[in-house]
C-alpha atoms as a PDB file:
ATOM      1  CA  MET A   1     -64.230  21.806 -76.123  1.00  0.00           C
ATOM      2  CA  SER A   2     -61.314  23.874 -75.120  1.00  0.00           C
ATOM      3  CA  LYS A   3     -58.142  24.258 -77.125  1.00  0.00           C
ATOM      4  CA  SER A   4     -56.104  22.300 -74.581  1.00  0.00           C
ATOM      5  CA  VAL A   5     -58.431  19.293 -74.833  1.00  0.00           C
ATOM      6  CA  LEU A   6     -58.334  19.368 -78.621  1.00  0.00           C
ATOM      7  CA  LEU A   7     -54.553  19.694 -78.573  1.00  0.00           C
ATOM      8  CA  SER A   8     -54.271  16.750 -76.171  1.00  0.00           C
ATOM      9  CA  VAL A   9     -56.536  14.588 -78.305  1.00  0.00           C
ATOM     10  CA  ALA A  10     -54.596  15.487 -81.445  1.00  0.00           C
ATOM     11  CA  LEU A  11     -51.302  14.667 -79.710  1.00  0.00           C
ATOM     12  CA  VAL A  12     -52.550  11.267 -78.496  1.00  0.00           C
ATOM     13  CA  VAL A  13     -53.950  10.370 -81.911  1.00  0.00           C
ATOM     14  CA  GLY A  14     -50.725  11.419 -83.586  1.00  0.00           C
ATOM     15  CA  LEU A  15     -48.569   9.376 -81.239  1.00  0.00           C
ATOM     16  CA  ALA A  16     -50.853   6.351 -81.415  1.00  0.00           C
ATOM     17  CA  SER A  17     -50.786   6.306 -85.197  1.00  0.00           C
ATOM     18  CA  THR A  18     -46.988   6.377 -85.371  1.00  0.00           C
ATOM     19  CA  ALA A  19     -46.286   4.000 -82.478  1.00  0.00           C
ATOM     20  CA  HIS A  20     -46.479   0.450 -83.728  1.00  0.00           C
ATOM     21  CA  ALA A  21     -44.447  -2.609 -82.869  1.00  0.00           C
ATOM     22  CA  GLU A  22     -42.928  -5.004 -85.339  1.00  0.00           C
ATOM     23  CA  LEU A  23     -44.283  -8.537 -85.165  1.00  0.00           C
ATOM     24  CA  PRO A  24     -41.862 -11.343 -84.302  1.00  0.00           C
ATOM     25  CA  ALA A  25     -40.648 -13.446 -87.210  1.00  0.00           C
ATOM     26  CA  ALA A  26     -42.653 -16.493 -86.079  1.00  0.00           C
ATOM     27  CA  ALA A  27     -45.880 -14.470 -86.002  1.00  0.00           C
ATOM     28  CA  THR A  28     -45.193 -13.005 -89.420  1.00  0.00           C
ATOM     29  CA  ALA A  29     -44.511 -16.467 -90.844  1.00  0.00           C
ATOM     30  CA  GLY A  30     -47.671 -17.834 -89.230  1.00  0.00           C
ATOM     31  CA  LEU A  31     -49.821 -15.052 -90.643  1.00  0.00           C
ATOM     32  CA  ALA A  32     -48.275 -15.544 -94.079  1.00  0.00           C
ATOM     33  CA  SER A  33     -49.064 -19.271 -93.879  1.00  0.00           C
ATOM     34  CA  ILE A  34     -52.673 -18.570 -92.915  1.00  0.00           C
ATOM     35  CA  ASN A  35     -52.981 -16.037 -95.723  1.00  0.00           C
ATOM     36  CA  THR A  36     -51.638 -18.580 -98.217  1.00  0.00           C
ATOM     37  CA  GLY A  37     -54.063 -21.226 -96.944  1.00  0.00           C
ATOM     38  CA  ILE A  38     -57.032 -18.885 -97.299  1.00  0.00           C
ATOM     39  CA  GLY A  39     -55.967 -17.980-100.821  1.00  0.00           C
ATOM     40  CA  ASP A  40     -55.604 -21.644-101.780  1.00  0.00           C
ATOM     41  CA  ALA A  41     -59.035 -22.465-100.358  1.00  0.00           C
ATOM     42  CA  ALA A  42     -60.628 -19.584-102.243  1.00  0.00           C
ATOM     43  CA  ASP A  43     -58.921 -20.656-105.473  1.00  0.00           C
ATOM     44  CA  ALA A  44     -60.206 -24.203-104.986  1.00  0.00           C
ATOM     45  CA  ALA A  45     -63.758 -23.043-104.235  1.00  0.00           C
ATOM     46  CA  TRP A  46     -64.351 -20.883-107.317  1.00  0.00           C
ATOM     47  CA  PRO A  47     -64.697 -23.782-109.793  1.00  0.00           C
ATOM     48  CA  LEU A  48     -67.250 -25.408-107.463  1.00  0.00           C
ATOM     49  CA  ILE A  49     -69.202 -22.176-107.114  1.00  0.00           C
ATOM     50  CA  THR A  50     -69.200 -21.712-110.880  1.00  0.00           C
ATOM     51  CA  ALA A  51     -70.342 -25.299-111.469  1.00  0.00           C
ATOM     52  CA  ALA A  52     -73.187 -24.918-108.956  1.00  0.00           C
ATOM     53  CA  LEU A  53     -74.309 -21.665-110.588  1.00  0.00           C
ATOM     54  CA  VAL A  54     -74.256 -23.174-114.082  1.00  0.00           C
ATOM     55  CA  ALA A  55     -76.145 -26.254-112.862  1.00  0.00           C
ATOM     56  CA  GLY A  56     -78.794 -24.058-111.244  1.00  0.00           C
ATOM     57  CA  VAL A  57     -79.294 -22.050-114.416  1.00  0.00           C
ATOM     58  CA  LEU A  58     -79.517 -25.204-116.526  1.00  0.00           C
ATOM     59  CA  ILE A  59     -82.079 -26.759-114.185  1.00  0.00           C
ATOM     60  CA  LYS A  60     -84.230 -23.624-114.336  1.00  0.00           C
ATOM     61  CA  LEU A  61     -84.028 -23.563-118.139  1.00  0.00           C
ATOM     62  CA  VAL A  62     -84.938 -27.244-118.427  1.00  0.00           C
ATOM     63  CA  LYS A  63     -87.905 -26.756-116.093  1.00  0.00           C
ATOM     64  CA  ARG A  64     -89.093 -23.728-118.040  1.00  0.00           C
ATOM     65  CA  PHE A  65     -88.917 -25.419-121.439  1.00  0.00           C
ATOM     66  CA  THR A  66     -90.373 -28.764-120.312  1.00  0.00           C
ATOM     67  CA  ASN A  67     -93.434 -26.977-118.904  1.00  0.00           C
ATOM     68  CA  LYS A  68     -94.038 -25.314-122.293  1.00  0.00           C
ATOM     69  CA  VAL A  69     -94.008 -28.628-124.177  1.00  0.00           C
END
């Protein structure tokens, strides 16, 4: 590649990385609401995931020890 092509690419990349638009307030509020909802859903799911994991381990242990008896 020639120097002019590399310079042009570097200029475009530099301008593209600094040129960004601010989101409207309604969009920002909507994204914040979605983010909060996802966080709440994840917080609600962890106890269920933990309970399912513990139940699975207990079932495997019970099966293992009942087969030995």
